[in-house]
Amino acid sequence: MTNGSKEEYEEYRLPQKIFLLNSVIRDKTISDNGILVYCYLKAIQRVDVNYYPMSVELMDYFFRHTFDIETRDKKKYVDGLNDLEEHNLIKKISEKKFNFEYDLQKIYFDPTKSNKENEQFFTVVYSDELCSIMQIEDDNFSGSKAKLVRYFVNVVSTFMKGKRWTFDLLNDTKKDGIVGFSSIQNLSDISNINKDTIVTYNKILEKEKLLYIYRANELILRSDRTLDGITNTYGRYRYKKLIKSKGEQHKSEYGYDKEKDNVKFKTKKTAERKSLGAKYYYLLEGQDYDEQTIIEIYRYAVEYNKRHEGDSFYKDKLKDLEFFEQFPFITEDCLKENPKPKREFPIDNDNWGVPNSMETDFSVEEMLDMPTLNNVEINDSG
């Protein structure tokens, strides 16, 4: 088969959903090769089959779509199988050279049930994503592709799920698990990969158009006077526009306020305001709150609108006060009971802001995680 005809054939290869248990892909005691093999086994597993014949050649073909496999790569798959068996996840039935039969029943779970029903959380990746990683040219990436697969599936495992994080897509479908905000430290912890390597892996996955990463490139000053970068916003590259939008919102809520030229402190007061802002949206979505909490949310909404009244930038962002008319206990007296704050009440966490043009390819969070910039602190000058 010529290269041209093979490329044409690949266009019609359908991507396959692969359901992975978070407890497995985040297990630091399982090797990178073990995680790679686990991905393959979950791809071939079916509900009505427990014994599976397999070979290292077929495993490699699944990822690379070629039967040209070197002996050293064969050993990686064998090591991965052995590792999973040592962890009591699979059981070998028989083998001959690089051909095997395994019992995979212990790694089966029903993905049609909710995480709550399973009492286990799982992540969905696609076969074409894993194949794209395993087929990266060595000239573009000479590191361990198994480790890169491990990192990718763990990044996807951090994407937010639930009603609040369900979005309407262009094809009239609703989907969650699209966007994540994990810190580099958290990604390092769950994937068992050091932070410097993560910065490199992020660039590779972006180049391969597997991930889109919005970098706020701004700082947040925490209450303990340490300086941190705002976490990156992660998502699949095909949702680039949505990820960028959510990244801008995330930056606005936690980052540097250029209009006021200050850094937002995570003080108790700010935390309370952010909490009320979040509860406002939950209330709109149908969340139940007690009477006092709803009154506090109403006060927040009124103060927010007063603060931004007449500002064209916030014209479409003002809170819906008519929504509160359904509550008989919401009256003008609610506002009278609220003591006036000693200072202005800036609800800046709802300012979506304008993204800053990137002057570097790294976010502040990534730069702070580089060896020479770790543990940056703010010192009072008096």
Protein backbone atom coordinates (compact mmCIF):
# COMPACT_ATOMS: atom_id res chain seq x y z
CA MET A 1 0.00 0.00 0.00
CA THR A 2 1.42 3.38 -0.93
CA ASN A 3 1.71 6.23 1.54
CA GLY A 4 -0.97 8.17 -0.30
CA SER A 5 -3.52 5.36 -0.18
CA LYS A 6 -2.78 4.69 3.47
CA GLU A 7 -3.37 8.33 4.35
CA GLU A 8 -6.64 8.21 2.44
CA TYR A 9 -7.62 5.07 4.34
CA GLU A 10 -6.81 6.70 7.69
CA GLU A 11 -9.34 9.44 6.98
CA TYR A 12 -12.13 6.88 7.30
CA ARG A 13 -10.90 5.26 10.52
CA LEU A 14 -13.56 5.93 13.15
CA PRO A 15 -12.41 7.12 16.59
CA GLN A 16 -13.38 4.82 19.43
CA LYS A 17 -14.38 5.85 22.93
CA ILE A 18 -12.20 4.35 25.65
CA PHE A 19 -13.39 4.40 29.26
CA LEU A 20 -10.60 4.52 31.83
CA LEU A 21 -10.86 4.29 35.61
CA ASN A 22 -9.24 7.27 37.32
CA SER A 23 -8.07 5.01 40.13
CA VAL A 24 -5.92 3.13 37.60
CA ILE A 25 -4.52 5.93 35.45
CA ARG A 26 -3.65 7.92 38.60
CA ASP A 27 -1.98 5.00 40.36
CA LYS A 28 1.65 6.07 40.78
CA THR A 29 2.77 2.49 41.36
CA ILE A 30 1.74 1.45 37.83
CA SER A 31 4.41 2.02 35.18
CA ASP A 32 3.98 4.18 32.08
CA ASN A 33 3.96 1.02 29.96
CA GLY A 34 1.31 -0.42 32.26
CA ILE A 35 -0.93 2.62 31.69
CA LEU A 36 -0.40 2.40 27.92
CA VAL A 37 -1.35 -1.29 27.88
CA TYR A 38 -4.33 -0.57 30.12
CA CYS A 39 -5.61 1.89 27.52
CA TYR A 40 -5.39 -0.82 24.86
CA LEU A 41 -7.11 -3.44 27.01
CA LYS A 42 -9.99 -1.07 27.78
CA ALA A 43 -10.34 -0.37 24.07
CA ILE A 44 -10.83 -4.03 23.19
CA GLN A 45 -12.85 -5.08 26.25
CA ARG A 46 -16.51 -6.01 25.79
CA VAL A 47 -19.23 -6.70 28.29
CA ASP A 48 -19.86 -10.32 27.23
CA VAL A 49 -16.23 -11.48 26.96
CA ASN A 50 -13.73 -12.22 29.74
CA TYR A 51 -10.81 -14.02 27.99
CA TYR A 52 -8.93 -12.11 25.28
CA PRO A 53 -6.24 -13.41 22.93
CA MET A 54 -3.70 -10.73 22.02
CA SER A 55 -0.21 -10.13 20.71
CA VAL A 56 2.28 -7.31 21.08
CA GLU A 57 2.13 -6.79 17.30
CA LEU A 58 -1.63 -6.15 17.45
CA MET A 59 -1.24 -3.86 20.44
CA ASP A 60 1.36 -1.81 18.64
CA TYR A 61 -0.71 -1.76 15.46
CA PHE A 62 -3.66 -0.38 17.41
CA PHE A 63 -1.60 2.66 18.34
CA ARG A 64 0.75 3.10 15.36
CA HIS A 65 -1.12 1.46 12.45
CA THR A 66 1.94 -0.40 11.24
CA PHE A 67 3.31 -3.90 11.76
CA ASP A 68 6.89 -2.65 11.82
CA ILE A 69 7.78 -3.05 15.48
CA GLU A 70 11.25 -3.27 17.01
CA THR A 71 12.12 -5.92 19.57
CA ARG A 72 12.74 -3.30 22.28
CA ASP A 73 9.20 -2.00 21.77
CA LYS A 74 7.80 -5.51 22.07
CA LYS A 75 9.37 -5.76 25.50
CA LYS A 76 7.62 -2.53 26.59
CA TYR A 77 4.22 -4.07 25.94
CA VAL A 78 5.20 -7.27 27.73
CA ASP A 79 6.44 -5.25 30.69
CA GLY A 80 3.14 -3.37 30.72
CA LEU A 81 1.13 -6.60 30.79
CA ASN A 82 3.30 -8.01 33.56
CA ASP A 83 2.91 -4.81 35.58
CA LEU A 84 -0.88 -4.90 35.35
CA GLU A 85 -0.84 -8.56 36.40
CA GLU A 86 1.37 -7.73 39.39
CA HIS A 87 -1.25 -5.17 40.39
CA ASN A 88 -3.89 -7.91 40.24
CA LEU A 89 -5.80 -6.12 37.47
CA ILE A 90 -5.50 -8.86 34.82
CA LYS A 91 -4.66 -12.57 34.86
CA LYS A 92 -2.60 -14.48 32.29
CA ILE A 93 -4.24 -17.63 30.92
CA SER A 94 -1.60 -18.73 28.43
CA GLU A 95 1.31 -17.40 26.38
CA LYS A 96 3.69 -18.27 23.57
CA LYS A 97 6.50 -15.85 22.81
CA PHE A 98 4.77 -12.53 22.19
CA ASN A 99 1.24 -13.96 22.05
CA PHE A 100 -1.02 -14.14 25.09
CA GLU A 101 -4.46 -14.80 26.46
CA TYR A 102 -5.60 -12.75 29.45
CA ASP A 103 -8.61 -12.63 31.73
CA LEU A 104 -9.65 -8.95 31.85
CA GLN A 105 -12.75 -9.27 34.00
CA LYS A 106 -11.30 -7.32 36.94
CA ILE A 107 -10.86 -4.13 34.91
CA TYR A 108 -14.42 -4.13 33.57
CA PHE A 109 -17.00 -1.59 34.73
CA ASP A 110 -20.26 -0.39 33.25
CA PRO A 111 -19.75 3.16 31.89
CA THR A 112 -23.49 3.61 31.32
CA LYS A 113 -23.97 3.92 35.06
CA SER A 114 -23.13 7.13 36.85
CA ASN A 115 -19.94 7.57 38.82
CA LYS A 116 -22.04 7.49 41.96
CA GLU A 117 -23.57 4.14 41.02
CA ASN A 118 -20.17 2.68 40.19
CA GLU A 119 -18.56 4.31 43.23
CA GLN A 120 -15.71 4.84 40.79
CA PHE A 121 -14.85 7.79 38.59
CA PHE A 122 -13.84 7.33 35.00
CA THR A 123 -12.44 9.33 32.11
CA VAL A 124 -13.29 9.08 28.41
CA VAL A 125 -10.55 9.41 25.81
CA TYR A 126 -10.61 8.54 22.11
CA SER A 127 -8.52 6.06 20.19
CA ASP A 128 -7.43 8.64 17.62
CA GLU A 129 -6.01 10.83 20.41
CA LEU A 130 -3.84 8.02 21.74
CA CYS A 131 -2.80 7.03 18.23
CA SER A 132 -1.78 10.60 17.44
CA ILE A 133 0.52 10.61 20.45
CA MET A 134 2.07 7.24 19.66
CA GLN A 135 2.62 8.29 16.03
CA ILE A 136 4.48 11.53 16.78
CA GLU A 137 7.69 11.58 14.76
CA ASP A 138 10.84 10.95 16.77
CA ASP A 139 12.34 14.13 15.31
CA ASN A 140 9.54 16.10 17.01
CA PHE A 141 9.59 14.19 20.29
CA SER A 142 12.28 11.79 21.38
CA GLY A 143 10.91 11.12 24.86
CA SER A 144 8.69 8.32 26.13
CA LYS A 145 5.41 8.28 24.24
CA ALA A 146 3.94 5.98 26.89
CA LYS A 147 4.64 8.67 29.50
CA LEU A 148 3.09 11.28 27.22
CA VAL A 149 -0.03 9.12 26.91
CA ARG A 150 -0.12 8.82 30.69
CA TYR A 151 0.04 12.59 31.05
CA PHE A 152 -2.63 13.23 28.41
CA VAL A 153 -5.22 10.86 29.92
CA ASN A 154 -4.63 12.38 33.35
CA VAL A 155 -5.11 15.91 32.04
CA VAL A 156 -8.41 14.83 30.49
CA SER A 157 -9.39 13.23 33.81
CA THR A 158 -9.35 16.71 35.42
CA PHE A 159 -11.93 18.20 33.03
CA MET A 160 -14.96 19.41 34.99
CA LYS A 161 -18.14 17.33 34.92
CA GLY A 162 -21.71 17.96 35.97
CA LYS A 163 -24.62 20.24 35.11
CA ARG A 164 -22.70 23.45 35.72
CA TRP A 165 -20.00 22.36 33.28
CA THR A 166 -22.27 21.09 30.52
CA PHE A 167 -22.10 23.16 27.34
CA ASP A 168 -24.15 23.37 24.17
CA LEU A 169 -22.00 22.39 21.21
CA LEU A 170 -22.38 23.34 17.56
CA ASN A 171 -23.98 20.02 16.62
CA ASP A 172 -26.89 20.59 19.04
CA THR A 173 -25.48 18.24 21.65
CA LYS A 174 -24.76 18.92 25.30
CA LYS A 175 -21.49 17.75 26.77
CA ASP A 176 -19.50 18.07 29.97
CA GLY A 177 -15.89 17.09 30.61
CA ILE A 178 -14.65 19.83 28.26
CA VAL A 179 -12.66 22.26 30.38
CA GLY A 180 -10.29 21.96 33.33
CA PHE A 181 -8.33 24.34 35.56
CA SER A 182 -5.90 22.08 37.38
CA SER A 183 -2.61 23.48 38.59
CA ILE A 184 0.65 22.14 37.28
CA GLN A 185 1.35 20.84 40.78
CA ASN A 186 -1.88 18.84 40.78
CA LEU A 187 -1.19 17.45 37.30
CA SER A 188 2.28 16.48 38.49
CA ASP A 189 0.84 14.70 41.51
CA ILE A 190 -1.78 12.63 39.67
CA SER A 191 0.37 11.75 36.64
CA ASN A 192 3.59 11.13 38.58
CA ILE A 193 5.49 13.44 36.20
CA ASN A 194 7.68 16.33 37.33
CA LYS A 195 6.55 19.89 36.67
CA ASP A 196 9.35 20.77 34.26
CA THR A 197 8.38 17.82 32.06
CA ILE A 198 4.73 18.88 32.18
CA VAL A 199 5.59 22.29 30.73
CA THR A 200 7.33 20.50 27.84
CA TYR A 201 4.49 18.03 27.36
CA ASN A 202 1.95 20.85 27.23
CA LYS A 203 3.80 22.39 24.29
CA ILE A 204 3.96 19.07 22.44
CA LEU A 205 0.27 18.30 22.90
CA GLU A 206 -0.61 21.79 21.72
CA LYS A 207 1.58 21.42 18.65
CA GLU A 208 -0.14 18.14 17.83
CA LYS A 209 -3.52 19.89 18.31
CA LEU A 210 -4.61 17.48 21.01
CA LEU A 211 -4.88 20.10 23.75
CA TYR A 212 -5.66 23.78 23.75
CA ILE A 213 -4.26 25.61 26.76
CA TYR A 214 -5.29 29.12 27.67
CA ARG A 215 -2.50 30.82 29.63
CA ALA A 216 -3.67 33.79 31.65
CA ASN A 217 -0.07 34.99 32.03
CA GLU A 218 -1.00 36.81 35.22
CA LEU A 219 -0.39 36.55 38.95
CA ILE A 220 -2.46 36.06 42.04
CA LEU A 221 -1.31 37.16 45.46
CA ARG A 222 -2.43 34.75 48.15
CA SER A 223 -3.24 35.62 51.73
CA ASP A 224 0.07 34.12 52.94
CA ARG A 225 1.90 36.71 50.79
CA THR A 226 3.22 34.13 48.30
CA LEU A 227 2.96 34.82 44.61
CA ASP A 228 1.41 32.28 42.27
CA GLY A 229 0.48 32.15 38.64
CA ILE A 230 -3.17 31.65 37.74
CA THR A 231 -3.70 28.06 36.68
CA ASN A 232 -3.92 27.30 32.98
CA THR A 233 -7.26 26.46 31.40
CA TYR A 234 -7.14 23.10 29.58
CA GLY A 235 -9.36 21.48 26.99
CA ARG A 236 -9.33 19.55 23.75
CA TYR A 237 -8.10 21.55 20.79
CA ARG A 238 -11.37 21.12 18.89
CA TYR A 239 -13.09 23.18 21.62
CA LYS A 240 -10.53 25.96 21.35
CA LYS A 241 -13.03 28.82 21.24
CA LEU A 242 -14.88 27.61 24.32
CA ILE A 243 -11.68 26.95 26.25
CA LYS A 244 -10.45 30.45 25.48
CA SER A 245 -13.71 31.97 26.68
CA LYS A 246 -13.63 30.02 29.95
CA GLY A 247 -9.96 30.87 30.38
CA GLU A 248 -10.72 34.57 30.11
CA GLN A 249 -13.45 34.21 32.71
CA HIS A 250 -11.10 32.29 35.00
CA LYS A 251 -8.47 35.02 34.64
CA SER A 252 -11.00 37.72 35.41
CA GLU A 253 -12.13 35.97 38.57
CA TYR A 254 -8.71 35.26 40.02
CA GLY A 255 -6.16 37.40 38.27
CA TYR A 256 -4.56 40.78 38.07
CA ASP A 257 -7.03 43.65 37.61
CA LYS A 258 -5.43 45.94 35.06
CA GLU A 259 -8.15 48.61 35.24
CA LYS A 260 -7.58 49.17 38.96
CA ASP A 261 -3.88 48.25 38.79
CA ASN A 262 -3.96 45.97 41.80
CA VAL A 263 -3.68 42.33 42.67
CA LYS A 264 -6.76 40.69 44.07
CA PHE A 265 -6.19 39.33 47.54
CA LYS A 266 -7.79 36.07 48.54
CA THR A 267 -8.97 37.60 51.78
CA LYS A 268 -11.96 36.33 53.71
CA LYS A 269 -14.07 39.20 52.32
CA THR A 270 -13.16 38.43 48.72
CA ALA A 271 -13.87 34.74 49.30
CA GLU A 272 -17.33 35.60 50.64
CA ARG A 273 -18.11 37.72 47.59
CA LYS A 274 -16.94 35.03 45.22
CA SER A 275 -19.05 32.53 47.12
CA LEU A 276 -22.17 34.68 46.74
CA GLY A 277 -21.41 35.16 43.05
CA ALA A 278 -21.27 31.40 42.58
CA LYS A 279 -24.42 30.84 44.64
CA TYR A 280 -26.25 33.37 42.46
CA TYR A 281 -25.69 31.20 39.39
CA TYR A 282 -26.50 28.01 41.28
CA LEU A 283 -29.75 29.61 42.42
CA LEU A 284 -30.65 30.43 38.82
CA GLU A 285 -30.01 26.78 37.94
CA GLY A 286 -32.44 25.57 40.61
CA GLN A 287 -30.24 25.00 43.63
CA ASP A 288 -32.18 25.18 46.93
CA TYR A 289 -31.02 27.62 49.61
CA ASP A 290 -32.50 28.73 52.90
CA GLU A 291 -34.21 32.10 53.24
CA GLN A 292 -31.24 33.92 54.79
CA THR A 293 -28.85 32.73 52.08
CA ILE A 294 -31.23 33.87 49.32
CA ILE A 295 -31.45 37.29 51.00
CA GLU A 296 -27.64 37.51 51.04
CA ILE A 297 -27.52 36.55 47.36
CA TYR A 298 -30.11 39.22 46.60
CA ARG A 299 -28.06 41.87 48.44
CA TYR A 300 -25.03 40.79 46.46
CA ALA A 301 -26.93 41.14 43.17
CA VAL A 302 -28.25 44.61 44.06
CA GLU A 303 -24.82 45.87 45.13
CA TYR A 304 -23.25 44.43 42.01
CA ASN A 305 -25.74 46.21 39.73
CA LYS A 306 -25.28 49.49 41.60
CA ARG A 307 -21.55 49.20 41.26
CA HIS A 308 -21.64 48.70 37.51
CA GLU A 309 -24.74 50.67 36.58
CA GLY A 310 -24.09 52.90 33.59
CA ASP A 311 -20.93 51.03 32.58
CA SER A 312 -21.44 49.84 29.00
CA PHE A 313 -18.92 47.06 29.50
CA TYR A 314 -21.23 45.45 32.09
CA LYS A 315 -24.46 46.16 30.25
CA ASP A 316 -25.09 42.48 29.50
CA LYS A 317 -23.59 41.23 32.76
CA LEU A 318 -25.91 42.85 35.31
CA LYS A 319 -27.74 40.51 37.66
CA ASP A 320 -31.39 39.61 37.05
CA LEU A 321 -33.20 41.20 40.00
CA GLU A 322 -36.63 40.24 38.61
CA PHE A 323 -35.71 36.64 39.30
CA PHE A 324 -36.00 37.32 43.04
CA GLU A 325 -39.63 38.47 42.77
CA GLN A 326 -40.72 34.83 43.17
CA PHE A 327 -39.54 34.90 46.79
CA PRO A 328 -42.15 36.60 49.05
CA PHE A 329 -39.54 37.40 51.71
CA ILE A 330 -37.48 39.54 49.31
CA THR A 331 -38.51 43.14 50.02
CA GLU A 332 -36.86 46.52 50.27
CA ASP A 333 -36.40 45.85 53.97
CA CYS A 334 -33.82 43.22 53.03
CA LEU A 335 -31.52 45.97 51.86
CA LYS A 336 -32.15 48.12 54.94
CA GLU A 337 -31.06 45.27 57.16
CA ASN A 338 -27.77 45.10 55.35
CA PRO A 339 -25.23 47.49 56.96
CA LYS A 340 -23.40 49.66 54.50
CA PRO A 341 -19.89 48.42 53.86
CA LYS A 342 -17.04 50.57 55.09
CA ARG A 343 -15.61 50.60 51.58
CA GLU A 344 -16.86 50.15 48.08
CA PHE A 345 -18.20 46.78 47.15
CA PRO A 346 -16.30 45.75 44.01
CA ILE A 347 -17.64 42.53 42.57
CA ASP A 348 -14.80 42.19 40.13
CA ASN A 349 -14.93 38.43 39.90
CA ASP A 350 -17.67 38.65 37.25
CA ASN A 351 -15.61 40.88 34.97
CA TRP A 352 -14.72 38.78 31.96
CA GLY A 353 -12.03 41.22 30.90
CA VAL A 354 -10.05 41.22 27.71
CA PRO A 355 -7.33 38.62 27.14
CA ASN A 356 -3.82 39.96 27.18
CA SER A 357 -1.68 39.21 24.15
CA MET A 358 0.94 36.61 24.95
CA GLU A 359 4.50 37.84 24.91
CA THR A 360 5.88 34.42 25.76
CA ASP A 361 4.86 30.82 25.21
CA PHE A 362 4.61 30.18 28.95
CA SER A 363 2.07 31.19 31.53
CA VAL A 364 3.14 32.81 34.78
CA GLU A 365 2.19 29.58 36.52
CA GLU A 366 4.57 27.65 34.28
CA MET A 367 7.36 30.18 34.69
CA LEU A 368 6.98 30.09 38.46
CA ASP A 369 7.25 26.31 38.32
CA MET A 370 10.57 26.52 36.49
CA PRO A 371 13.49 25.68 38.80
CA THR A 372 14.86 29.23 39.03
CA LEU A 373 11.51 30.78 39.85
CA ASN A 374 10.03 28.42 42.41
CA ASN A 375 8.83 29.64 45.78
CA VAL A 376 8.58 33.28 44.79
CA GLU A 377 7.44 35.44 47.68
CA ILE A 378 6.21 39.00 48.11
CA ASN A 379 8.05 40.94 50.78
CA ASP A 380 6.51 43.95 52.47
CA SER A 381 8.66 47.02 51.97
CA GLY A 382 7.38 48.70 55.03
